[in-house]
Amino acid sequence: MSGHVKGTLFVDYVRMLRGHKGTDWSKHLAPEDVSFLVQRIEPDTWYPMESFERMGLAILSEIAHGDLETVRSFGRVSIDWLCQQEPRLLAAGDPLDTLMRFRVLRQGFFDYPALDIASASDGEASIRVGYGMGARAEEAASWQTLGFFERLLEVAGGRDVKAWFSTRVWAGDASTMIELRWEA
């Protein structure tokens, strides 16, 4: 993997790690990753996906204790802050337009096609996930992404939001697909 993630998203992981001061992060992180914990993360700066992956695995191990539902919750919680940082993301009362806005803004979050809205129409969408990480990190990041889109649709006004994986690369499928259904 050789992509980058924008500081707007990278800072979430750094905040979680900083919030657990008693944890020895050096057992999970490379020295260059640990250095990010003591520097200011700039929202418009690109950061290495390799560091993002290692931080995600550290969070999965030490904070979420391997529980992917907790990781899904992290994804859900991240939406409110992201909508404050990127007010153009939310089309209040219009989940489909919000997804279309995400499609445009996605290029500002990753410098490679980590997420792609494969299809979207009123009340349903399919998201292709491909972070290009190791299997465990890809699984955790996909669960976080599932929670992210669930909450994004709710904040945009979607009701009775349902989200699930139709395919999973970590289970041997060719790609990971998240299916979303909601009522307007």
N, C-alpha and C. Protein backbone atom coordinates (compact mmCIF):
# COMPACT_ATOMS: atom_id res chain seq x y z
N MET A 1 0.85 -1.17 0.00
CA MET A 1 0.00 0.00 0.00
C MET A 1 0.90 1.23 0.00
N SER A 2 0.53 2.23 -0.82
CA SER A 2 1.36 3.42 -0.88
C SER A 2 0.53 4.68 -0.95
N GLY A 3 -0.72 4.61 -0.56
CA GLY A 3 -1.58 5.78 -0.61
C GLY A 3 -1.42 6.67 0.60
N HIS A 4 -2.22 7.72 0.59
CA HIS A 4 -2.20 8.69 1.68
C HIS A 4 -3.63 9.02 2.11
N VAL A 5 -3.74 9.44 3.35
CA VAL A 5 -5.01 9.85 3.93
C VAL A 5 -4.85 11.29 4.40
N LYS A 6 -5.89 12.07 4.23
CA LYS A 6 -5.85 13.48 4.62
C LYS A 6 -5.91 13.59 6.14
N GLY A 7 -5.27 14.61 6.66
CA GLY A 7 -5.23 14.86 8.10
C GLY A 7 -6.60 14.94 8.74
N THR A 8 -7.61 15.35 7.98
CA THR A 8 -8.98 15.43 8.49
C THR A 8 -9.44 14.09 9.07
N LEU A 9 -9.04 12.97 8.43
CA LEU A 9 -9.39 11.63 8.93
C LEU A 9 -8.29 11.08 9.83
N PHE A 10 -7.05 11.34 9.49
CA PHE A 10 -5.90 10.82 10.25
C PHE A 10 -5.96 11.27 11.71
N VAL A 11 -6.42 12.49 11.94
CA VAL A 11 -6.46 13.05 13.29
C VAL A 11 -7.36 12.24 14.22
N ASP A 12 -8.40 11.58 13.69
CA ASP A 12 -9.28 10.76 14.54
C ASP A 12 -8.48 9.66 15.23
N TYR A 13 -7.65 8.96 14.46
CA TYR A 13 -6.84 7.89 15.04
C TYR A 13 -5.84 8.44 16.04
N VAL A 14 -5.21 9.55 15.70
CA VAL A 14 -4.23 10.15 16.60
C VAL A 14 -4.89 10.56 17.91
N ARG A 15 -6.07 11.14 17.83
CA ARG A 15 -6.80 11.53 19.06
C ARG A 15 -7.11 10.32 19.94
N MET A 16 -7.55 9.24 19.32
CA MET A 16 -7.86 8.03 20.10
C MET A 16 -6.61 7.52 20.81
N LEU A 17 -5.50 7.48 20.10
CA LEU A 17 -4.26 7.00 20.69
C LEU A 17 -3.79 7.93 21.80
N ARG A 18 -3.85 9.22 21.57
CA ARG A 18 -3.43 10.19 22.59
C ARG A 18 -4.29 10.09 23.83
N GLY A 19 -5.57 9.74 23.66
CA GLY A 19 -6.49 9.64 24.78
C GLY A 19 -6.20 8.49 25.73
N HIS A 20 -5.33 7.58 25.34
CA HIS A 20 -4.97 6.43 26.17
C HIS A 20 -3.49 6.53 26.52
N LYS A 21 -3.19 7.51 27.36
CA LYS A 21 -1.81 7.86 27.69
C LYS A 21 -1.02 6.73 28.35
N GLY A 22 -1.66 5.86 29.07
CA GLY A 22 -0.97 4.80 29.77
C GLY A 22 -0.58 3.61 28.90
N THR A 23 -0.94 3.65 27.65
CA THR A 23 -0.68 2.53 26.75
C THR A 23 0.67 2.70 26.07
N ASP A 24 1.42 1.60 25.98
CA ASP A 24 2.71 1.61 25.28
C ASP A 24 2.43 1.35 23.80
N TRP A 25 2.28 2.42 23.04
CA TRP A 25 1.94 2.29 21.63
C TRP A 25 3.11 1.78 20.80
N SER A 26 4.32 1.86 21.33
CA SER A 26 5.49 1.45 20.55
C SER A 26 5.49 -0.04 20.24
N LYS A 27 4.70 -0.83 20.97
CA LYS A 27 4.63 -2.25 20.65
C LYS A 27 3.77 -2.53 19.42
N HIS A 28 3.00 -1.53 18.99
CA HIS A 28 2.15 -1.66 17.81
C HIS A 28 2.59 -0.77 16.65
N LEU A 29 3.26 0.32 16.96
CA LEU A 29 3.55 1.35 15.97
C LEU A 29 5.04 1.44 15.65
N ALA A 30 5.34 1.82 14.44
CA ALA A 30 6.72 2.10 14.04
C ALA A 30 7.12 3.45 14.65
N PRO A 31 8.43 3.69 14.81
CA PRO A 31 8.87 4.97 15.38
C PRO A 31 8.29 6.19 14.67
N GLU A 32 8.18 6.13 13.35
CA GLU A 32 7.62 7.27 12.62
C GLU A 32 6.14 7.48 12.94
N ASP A 33 5.44 6.41 13.30
CA ASP A 33 4.03 6.53 13.69
C ASP A 33 3.93 7.20 15.06
N VAL A 34 4.78 6.79 15.98
CA VAL A 34 4.76 7.35 17.33
C VAL A 34 5.01 8.86 17.28
N SER A 35 5.84 9.29 16.33
CA SER A 35 6.13 10.73 16.23
C SER A 35 4.87 11.54 15.91
N PHE A 36 3.91 10.95 15.24
CA PHE A 36 2.66 11.66 14.94
C PHE A 36 1.86 11.95 16.20
N LEU A 37 2.10 11.18 17.26
CA LEU A 37 1.34 11.35 18.50
C LEU A 37 1.76 12.60 19.26
N VAL A 38 2.89 13.18 18.90
CA VAL A 38 3.39 14.36 19.62
C VAL A 38 3.47 15.59 18.72
N GLN A 39 2.95 15.49 17.53
CA GLN A 39 2.96 16.65 16.64
C GLN A 39 1.55 17.05 16.26
N ARG A 40 1.42 18.27 15.81
CA ARG A 40 0.11 18.77 15.37
C ARG A 40 -0.22 18.10 14.03
N ILE A 41 -1.43 17.57 13.93
CA ILE A 41 -1.91 16.97 12.69
C ILE A 41 -2.67 18.05 11.93
N GLU A 42 -2.19 18.34 10.75
CA GLU A 42 -2.78 19.40 9.93
C GLU A 42 -3.89 18.81 9.06
N PRO A 43 -5.07 19.39 9.10
CA PRO A 43 -6.21 18.84 8.35
C PRO A 43 -5.95 18.70 6.85
N ASP A 44 -5.19 19.60 6.25
CA ASP A 44 -4.99 19.58 4.80
C ASP A 44 -3.71 18.89 4.36
N THR A 45 -3.02 18.23 5.29
CA THR A 45 -1.78 17.53 4.96
C THR A 45 -2.08 16.06 4.71
N TRP A 46 -1.33 15.46 3.79
CA TRP A 46 -1.46 14.03 3.50
C TRP A 46 -0.55 13.24 4.44
N TYR A 47 -1.07 12.12 4.97
CA TYR A 47 -0.32 11.25 5.88
C TYR A 47 -0.30 9.83 5.30
N PRO A 48 0.75 9.06 5.61
CA PRO A 48 0.90 7.73 4.99
C PRO A 48 -0.14 6.72 5.46
N MET A 49 -0.72 5.99 4.50
CA MET A 49 -1.68 4.94 4.82
C MET A 49 -1.03 3.83 5.65
N GLU A 50 0.26 3.60 5.49
CA GLU A 50 0.92 2.57 6.30
C GLU A 50 0.81 2.91 7.78
N SER A 51 1.00 4.18 8.13
CA SER A 51 0.85 4.61 9.52
C SER A 51 -0.60 4.50 9.96
N PHE A 52 -1.51 4.90 9.09
CA PHE A 52 -2.94 4.83 9.37
C PHE A 52 -3.35 3.38 9.65
N GLU A 53 -2.82 2.45 8.86
CA GLU A 53 -3.11 1.03 9.06
C GLU A 53 -2.60 0.55 10.41
N ARG A 54 -1.36 0.86 10.73
CA ARG A 54 -0.80 0.40 12.02
C ARG A 54 -1.54 1.02 13.19
N MET A 55 -1.91 2.29 13.08
CA MET A 55 -2.69 2.94 14.14
C MET A 55 -4.05 2.27 14.30
N GLY A 56 -4.68 1.95 13.17
CA GLY A 56 -5.97 1.27 13.22
C GLY A 56 -5.88 -0.07 13.91
N LEU A 57 -4.84 -0.82 13.61
CA LEU A 57 -4.65 -2.13 14.26
C LEU A 57 -4.36 -1.96 15.75
N ALA A 58 -3.61 -0.92 16.12
CA ALA A 58 -3.33 -0.65 17.53
C ALA A 58 -4.63 -0.31 18.26
N ILE A 59 -5.47 0.50 17.65
CA ILE A 59 -6.76 0.86 18.24
C ILE A 59 -7.64 -0.38 18.36
N LEU A 60 -7.66 -1.21 17.34
CA LEU A 60 -8.45 -2.45 17.38
C LEU A 60 -8.00 -3.31 18.54
N SER A 61 -6.71 -3.45 18.73
CA SER A 61 -6.16 -4.30 19.77
C SER A 61 -6.35 -3.72 21.18
N GLU A 62 -5.91 -2.50 21.37
CA GLU A 62 -5.82 -1.93 22.72
C GLU A 62 -7.07 -1.19 23.20
N ILE A 63 -7.82 -0.59 22.29
CA ILE A 63 -8.99 0.20 22.69
C ILE A 63 -10.28 -0.59 22.44
N ALA A 64 -10.41 -1.18 21.27
CA ALA A 64 -11.62 -1.94 20.94
C ALA A 64 -11.54 -3.39 21.42
N HIS A 65 -10.35 -3.83 21.84
CA HIS A 65 -10.14 -5.20 22.32
C HIS A 65 -10.64 -6.24 21.30
N GLY A 66 -10.41 -5.94 20.02
CA GLY A 66 -10.76 -6.88 18.96
C GLY A 66 -12.22 -6.91 18.57
N ASP A 67 -13.05 -6.07 19.20
CA ASP A 67 -14.50 -6.08 18.95
C ASP A 67 -14.84 -5.19 17.75
N LEU A 68 -15.28 -5.81 16.67
CA LEU A 68 -15.58 -5.06 15.45
C LEU A 68 -16.85 -4.21 15.56
N GLU A 69 -17.76 -4.56 16.44
CA GLU A 69 -18.93 -3.70 16.68
C GLU A 69 -18.49 -2.37 17.31
N THR A 70 -17.47 -2.43 18.15
CA THR A 70 -16.92 -1.19 18.72
C THR A 70 -16.31 -0.35 17.61
N VAL A 71 -15.62 -0.99 16.69
CA VAL A 71 -15.02 -0.28 15.55
C VAL A 71 -16.12 0.35 14.69
N ARG A 72 -17.19 -0.37 14.49
CA ARG A 72 -18.34 0.16 13.76
C ARG A 72 -18.87 1.42 14.45
N SER A 73 -18.91 1.38 15.77
CA SER A 73 -19.35 2.55 16.55
C SER A 73 -18.40 3.73 16.36
N PHE A 74 -17.10 3.46 16.28
CA PHE A 74 -16.13 4.53 16.01
C PHE A 74 -16.48 5.22 14.70
N GLY A 75 -16.83 4.44 13.69
CA GLY A 75 -17.20 5.01 12.40
C GLY A 75 -18.43 5.89 12.51
N ARG A 76 -19.41 5.44 13.29
CA ARG A 76 -20.63 6.21 13.48
C ARG A 76 -20.33 7.54 14.17
N VAL A 77 -19.52 7.49 15.20
CA VAL A 77 -19.22 8.68 16.00
C VAL A 77 -18.43 9.71 15.19
N SER A 78 -17.66 9.26 14.23
CA SER A 78 -16.81 10.19 13.48
C SER A 78 -17.60 11.15 12.58
N ILE A 79 -18.83 10.82 12.27
CA ILE A 79 -19.61 11.63 11.32
C ILE A 79 -19.89 13.03 11.83
N ASP A 80 -20.30 13.18 13.07
CA ASP A 80 -20.67 14.50 13.56
C ASP A 80 -19.50 15.48 13.46
N TRP A 81 -18.32 15.03 13.85
CA TRP A 81 -17.13 15.89 13.77
C TRP A 81 -16.79 16.17 12.31
N LEU A 82 -16.87 15.16 11.45
CA LEU A 82 -16.52 15.35 10.05
C LEU A 82 -17.49 16.33 9.37
N CYS A 83 -18.76 16.25 9.71
CA CYS A 83 -19.73 17.18 9.13
C CYS A 83 -19.44 18.62 9.56
N GLN A 84 -18.90 18.80 10.76
CA GLN A 84 -18.49 20.14 11.20
C GLN A 84 -17.29 20.62 10.38
N GLN A 85 -16.34 19.72 10.12
CA GLN A 85 -15.14 20.07 9.37
C GLN A 85 -15.42 20.25 7.88
N GLU A 86 -16.36 19.49 7.36
CA GLU A 86 -16.71 19.51 5.94
C GLU A 86 -18.20 19.77 5.78
N PRO A 87 -18.66 20.99 6.04
CA PRO A 87 -20.10 21.26 5.98
C PRO A 87 -20.71 21.01 4.60
N ARG A 88 -19.89 20.99 3.55
CA ARG A 88 -20.40 20.71 2.20
C ARG A 88 -20.85 19.26 2.06
N LEU A 89 -20.44 18.39 3.00
CA LEU A 89 -20.78 16.97 2.91
C LEU A 89 -22.27 16.71 3.08
N LEU A 90 -22.89 17.42 3.98
CA LEU A 90 -24.26 17.11 4.36
C LEU A 90 -25.29 17.90 3.54
N ALA A 91 -26.21 17.18 2.92
CA ALA A 91 -27.38 17.77 2.29
C ALA A 91 -28.55 17.40 3.19
N ALA A 92 -28.89 18.28 4.11
CA ALA A 92 -29.92 17.98 5.11
C ALA A 92 -31.22 17.55 4.44
N GLY A 93 -31.75 16.42 4.90
CA GLY A 93 -33.00 15.91 4.37
C GLY A 93 -32.86 15.15 3.05
N ASP A 94 -31.63 14.95 2.58
CA ASP A 94 -31.44 14.30 1.29
C ASP A 94 -30.26 13.31 1.34
N PRO A 95 -30.51 12.09 1.80
CA PRO A 95 -29.43 11.11 1.90
C PRO A 95 -28.73 10.81 0.57
N LEU A 96 -29.50 10.75 -0.52
CA LEU A 96 -28.88 10.45 -1.81
C LEU A 96 -27.93 11.57 -2.24
N ASP A 97 -28.34 12.81 -2.10
CA ASP A 97 -27.45 13.92 -2.45
C ASP A 97 -26.22 13.93 -1.53
N THR A 98 -26.40 13.58 -0.27
CA THR A 98 -25.27 13.50 0.65
C THR A 98 -24.25 12.47 0.15
N LEU A 99 -24.72 11.31 -0.31
CA LEU A 99 -23.81 10.31 -0.87
C LEU A 99 -23.09 10.84 -2.11
N MET A 100 -23.80 11.59 -2.94
CA MET A 100 -23.18 12.16 -4.14
C MET A 100 -22.12 13.19 -3.74
N ARG A 101 -22.40 13.94 -2.70
CA ARG A 101 -21.41 14.90 -2.20
C ARG A 101 -20.18 14.15 -1.66
N PHE A 102 -20.43 13.04 -0.98
CA PHE A 102 -19.29 12.24 -0.49
C PHE A 102 -18.44 11.78 -1.66
N ARG A 103 -19.09 11.35 -2.74
CA ARG A 103 -18.36 10.88 -3.92
C ARG A 103 -17.36 11.94 -4.38
N VAL A 104 -17.79 13.19 -4.39
CA VAL A 104 -16.91 14.28 -4.81
C VAL A 104 -15.82 14.53 -3.75
N LEU A 105 -16.21 14.59 -2.48
CA LEU A 105 -15.26 14.91 -1.41
C LEU A 105 -14.28 13.77 -1.12
N ARG A 106 -14.64 12.52 -1.47
CA ARG A 106 -13.77 11.38 -1.20
C ARG A 106 -12.36 11.60 -1.71
N GLN A 107 -12.24 12.25 -2.84
CA GLN A 107 -10.92 12.51 -3.41
C GLN A 107 -10.09 13.41 -2.51
N GLY A 108 -10.75 14.13 -1.64
CA GLY A 108 -10.03 14.98 -0.68
C GLY A 108 -9.66 14.24 0.59
N PHE A 109 -10.13 13.01 0.76
CA PHE A 109 -9.82 12.22 1.96
C PHE A 109 -8.71 11.21 1.71
N PHE A 110 -8.68 10.64 0.51
CA PHE A 110 -7.67 9.64 0.13
C PHE A 110 -7.12 10.03 -1.24
N ASP A 111 -5.84 9.76 -1.47
CA ASP A 111 -5.27 10.10 -2.78
C ASP A 111 -5.27 8.89 -3.73
N TYR A 112 -6.12 7.94 -3.46
CA TYR A 112 -6.32 6.77 -4.31
C TYR A 112 -7.77 6.31 -4.08
N PRO A 113 -8.32 5.46 -4.92
CA PRO A 113 -9.74 5.10 -4.80
C PRO A 113 -10.03 4.08 -3.69
N ALA A 114 -9.87 4.48 -2.43
CA ALA A 114 -10.11 3.60 -1.29
C ALA A 114 -11.60 3.26 -1.14
N LEU A 115 -12.44 4.21 -1.51
CA LEU A 115 -13.89 4.03 -1.41
C LEU A 115 -14.51 4.51 -2.71
N ASP A 116 -15.50 3.77 -3.18
CA ASP A 116 -16.18 4.17 -4.40
C ASP A 116 -17.66 3.86 -4.26
N ILE A 117 -18.49 4.82 -4.57
CA ILE A 117 -19.93 4.56 -4.59
C ILE A 117 -20.21 3.89 -5.92
N ALA A 118 -20.38 2.58 -5.87
CA ALA A 118 -20.57 1.78 -7.09
C ALA A 118 -21.92 2.04 -7.72
N SER A 119 -22.94 2.24 -6.88
CA SER A 119 -24.27 2.58 -7.37
C SER A 119 -25.05 3.28 -6.26
N ALA A 120 -25.96 4.14 -6.65
CA ALA A 120 -26.78 4.85 -5.67
C ALA A 120 -28.06 5.31 -6.35
N SER A 121 -29.16 5.13 -5.67
CA SER A 121 -30.45 5.62 -6.11
C SER A 121 -31.28 5.88 -4.86
N ASP A 122 -32.48 6.40 -5.04
CA ASP A 122 -33.31 6.69 -3.87
C ASP A 122 -33.49 5.44 -3.02
N GLY A 123 -33.00 5.49 -1.80
CA GLY A 123 -33.22 4.42 -0.84
C GLY A 123 -32.23 3.28 -0.87
N GLU A 124 -31.23 3.32 -1.76
CA GLU A 124 -30.24 2.24 -1.75
C GLU A 124 -28.94 2.68 -2.40
N ALA A 125 -27.86 2.05 -1.93
CA ALA A 125 -26.54 2.33 -2.49
C ALA A 125 -25.62 1.15 -2.22
N SER A 126 -24.59 1.05 -3.04
CA SER A 126 -23.53 0.05 -2.86
C SER A 126 -22.20 0.79 -2.84
N ILE A 127 -21.39 0.49 -1.83
CA ILE A 127 -20.09 1.14 -1.66
C ILE A 127 -19.00 0.08 -1.81
N ARG A 128 -18.07 0.30 -2.72
CA ARG A 128 -16.92 -0.59 -2.87
C ARG A 128 -15.80 -0.07 -1.96
N VAL A 129 -15.29 -0.96 -1.13
CA VAL A 129 -14.24 -0.61 -0.17
C VAL A 129 -12.96 -1.33 -0.57
N GLY A 130 -11.88 -0.59 -0.66
CA GLY A 130 -10.59 -1.21 -1.02
C GLY A 130 -9.44 -0.37 -0.54
N TYR A 131 -9.15 -0.48 0.75
CA TYR A 131 -8.06 0.32 1.34
C TYR A 131 -6.69 -0.23 0.97
N GLY A 132 -6.63 -1.50 0.56
CA GLY A 132 -5.35 -2.09 0.18
C GLY A 132 -4.47 -2.44 1.37
N MET A 133 -5.08 -2.73 2.49
CA MET A 133 -4.33 -3.07 3.70
C MET A 133 -4.31 -4.59 3.90
N GLY A 134 -3.60 -5.03 4.93
CA GLY A 134 -3.62 -6.43 5.31
C GLY A 134 -5.04 -6.84 5.70
N ALA A 135 -5.29 -8.15 5.72
CA ALA A 135 -6.66 -8.66 5.91
C ALA A 135 -7.32 -8.14 7.18
N ARG A 136 -6.64 -8.22 8.32
CA ARG A 136 -7.25 -7.79 9.59
C ARG A 136 -7.52 -6.29 9.60
N ALA A 137 -6.58 -5.50 9.09
CA ALA A 137 -6.77 -4.05 9.04
C ALA A 137 -7.87 -3.69 8.05
N GLU A 138 -7.92 -4.39 6.92
CA GLU A 138 -8.97 -4.14 5.92
C GLU A 138 -10.34 -4.46 6.51
N GLU A 139 -10.43 -5.54 7.26
CA GLU A 139 -11.70 -5.91 7.90
C GLU A 139 -12.13 -4.83 8.89
N ALA A 140 -11.21 -4.41 9.75
CA ALA A 140 -11.55 -3.39 10.75
C ALA A 140 -11.93 -2.07 10.08
N ALA A 141 -11.16 -1.65 9.09
CA ALA A 141 -11.46 -0.40 8.39
C ALA A 141 -12.80 -0.49 7.67
N SER A 142 -13.14 -1.64 7.15
CA SER A 142 -14.42 -1.82 6.48
C SER A 142 -15.58 -1.73 7.46
N TRP A 143 -15.41 -2.29 8.66
CA TRP A 143 -16.45 -2.17 9.69
C TRP A 143 -16.62 -0.71 10.11
N GLN A 144 -15.50 0.00 10.23
CA GLN A 144 -15.58 1.42 10.57
C GLN A 144 -16.31 2.18 9.46
N THR A 145 -16.02 1.84 8.22
CA THR A 145 -16.66 2.47 7.07
C THR A 145 -18.16 2.17 7.05
N LEU A 146 -18.55 0.95 7.39
CA LEU A 146 -19.96 0.59 7.45
C LEU A 146 -20.68 1.49 8.45
N GLY A 147 -20.09 1.65 9.63
CA GLY A 147 -20.69 2.54 10.64
C GLY A 147 -20.73 3.99 10.18
N PHE A 148 -19.68 4.41 9.49
CA PHE A 148 -19.59 5.76 8.96
C PHE A 148 -20.78 6.06 8.03
N PHE A 149 -21.01 5.17 7.07
CA PHE A 149 -22.10 5.40 6.11
C PHE A 149 -23.47 5.25 6.74
N GLU A 150 -23.62 4.34 7.69
CA GLU A 150 -24.89 4.22 8.41
C GLU A 150 -25.27 5.55 9.04
N ARG A 151 -24.34 6.11 9.78
CA ARG A 151 -24.60 7.36 10.50
C ARG A 151 -24.73 8.54 9.54
N LEU A 152 -23.94 8.56 8.48
CA LEU A 152 -24.03 9.64 7.51
C LEU A 152 -25.44 9.71 6.92
N LEU A 153 -26.00 8.56 6.57
CA LEU A 153 -27.35 8.53 6.03
C LEU A 153 -28.38 8.99 7.07
N GLU A 154 -28.19 8.60 8.33
CA GLU A 154 -29.10 9.03 9.39
C GLU A 154 -29.05 10.54 9.57
N VAL A 155 -27.85 11.09 9.62
CA VAL A 155 -27.68 12.53 9.81
C VAL A 155 -28.30 13.29 8.63
N ALA A 156 -28.24 12.70 7.44
CA ALA A 156 -28.81 13.32 6.25
C ALA A 156 -30.32 13.18 6.18
N GLY A 157 -30.92 12.46 7.12
CA GLY A 157 -32.37 12.33 7.15
C GLY A 157 -32.92 10.97 6.78
N GLY A 158 -32.03 10.01 6.50
CA GLY A 158 -32.49 8.65 6.22
C GLY A 158 -33.06 7.99 7.47
N ARG A 159 -34.12 7.24 7.30
CA ARG A 159 -34.73 6.51 8.42
C ARG A 159 -34.63 5.02 8.16
N ASP A 160 -34.65 4.27 9.23
CA ASP A 160 -34.59 2.81 9.15
C ASP A 160 -33.42 2.36 8.27
N VAL A 161 -32.25 2.93 8.54
CA VAL A 161 -31.05 2.64 7.75
C VAL A 161 -30.57 1.22 8.05
N LYS A 162 -30.30 0.48 6.99
CA LYS A 162 -29.75 -0.87 7.10
C LYS A 162 -28.43 -0.88 6.34
N ALA A 163 -27.41 -1.52 6.92
CA ALA A 163 -26.10 -1.61 6.26
C ALA A 163 -25.52 -2.99 6.52
N TRP A 164 -24.95 -3.60 5.47
CA TRP A 164 -24.36 -4.92 5.62
C TRP A 164 -23.33 -5.14 4.52
N PHE A 165 -22.51 -6.15 4.69
CA PHE A 165 -21.53 -6.54 3.68
C PHE A 165 -22.14 -7.60 2.77
N SER A 166 -22.09 -7.36 1.47
CA SER A 166 -22.51 -8.40 0.54
C SER A 166 -21.31 -9.25 0.11
N THR A 167 -20.13 -8.66 0.10
CA THR A 167 -18.88 -9.39 -0.15
C THR A 167 -17.81 -8.83 0.77
N ARG A 168 -16.81 -9.68 1.09
CA ARG A 168 -15.75 -9.29 2.02
C ARG A 168 -14.42 -9.83 1.52
N VAL A 169 -13.50 -8.95 1.23
CA VAL A 169 -12.20 -9.38 0.70
C VAL A 169 -11.45 -10.24 1.73
N TRP A 170 -11.58 -9.95 3.01
CA TRP A 170 -10.88 -10.72 4.05
C TRP A 170 -11.46 -12.13 4.20
N ALA A 171 -12.62 -12.39 3.60
CA ALA A 171 -13.22 -13.72 3.64
C ALA A 171 -13.02 -14.46 2.31
N GLY A 172 -12.17 -13.86 1.44
CA GLY A 172 -11.86 -14.52 0.18
C GLY A 172 -12.57 -13.99 -1.05
N ASP A 173 -13.48 -13.04 -0.87
CA ASP A 173 -14.15 -12.44 -2.02
C ASP A 173 -13.19 -11.53 -2.77
N ALA A 174 -13.51 -11.25 -4.02
CA ALA A 174 -12.63 -10.41 -4.84
C ALA A 174 -12.59 -8.96 -4.38
N SER A 175 -13.66 -8.51 -3.74
CA SER A 175 -13.72 -7.13 -3.25
C SER A 175 -14.67 -7.08 -2.04
N THR A 176 -14.70 -5.94 -1.39
CA THR A 176 -15.62 -5.71 -0.29
C THR A 176 -16.69 -4.74 -0.77
N MET A 177 -17.94 -5.12 -0.57
CA MET A 177 -19.07 -4.27 -0.92
C MET A 177 -19.95 -4.07 0.30
N ILE A 178 -20.28 -2.83 0.56
CA ILE A 178 -21.24 -2.47 1.60
C ILE A 178 -22.55 -2.11 0.90
N GLU A 179 -23.62 -2.73 1.35
CA GLU A 179 -24.95 -2.44 0.82
C GLU A 179 -25.68 -1.56 1.83
N LEU A 180 -26.36 -0.54 1.36
CA LEU A 180 -27.10 0.39 2.21
C LEU A 180 -28.54 0.50 1.71
N ARG A 181 -29.46 0.47 2.64
CA ARG A 181 -30.89 0.70 2.34
C ARG A 181 -31.43 1.65 3.39
N TRP A 182 -32.34 2.53 2.98
CA TRP A 182 -32.94 3.47 3.91
C TRP A 182 -34.26 3.96 3.35
N GLU A 183 -35.02 4.58 4.23
CA GLU A 183 -36.26 5.25 3.84
C GLU A 183 -36.04 6.73 3.93
N ALA A 184 -36.62 7.47 2.98
CA ALA A 184 -36.46 8.93 2.98
C ALA A 184 -37.36 9.56 4.02
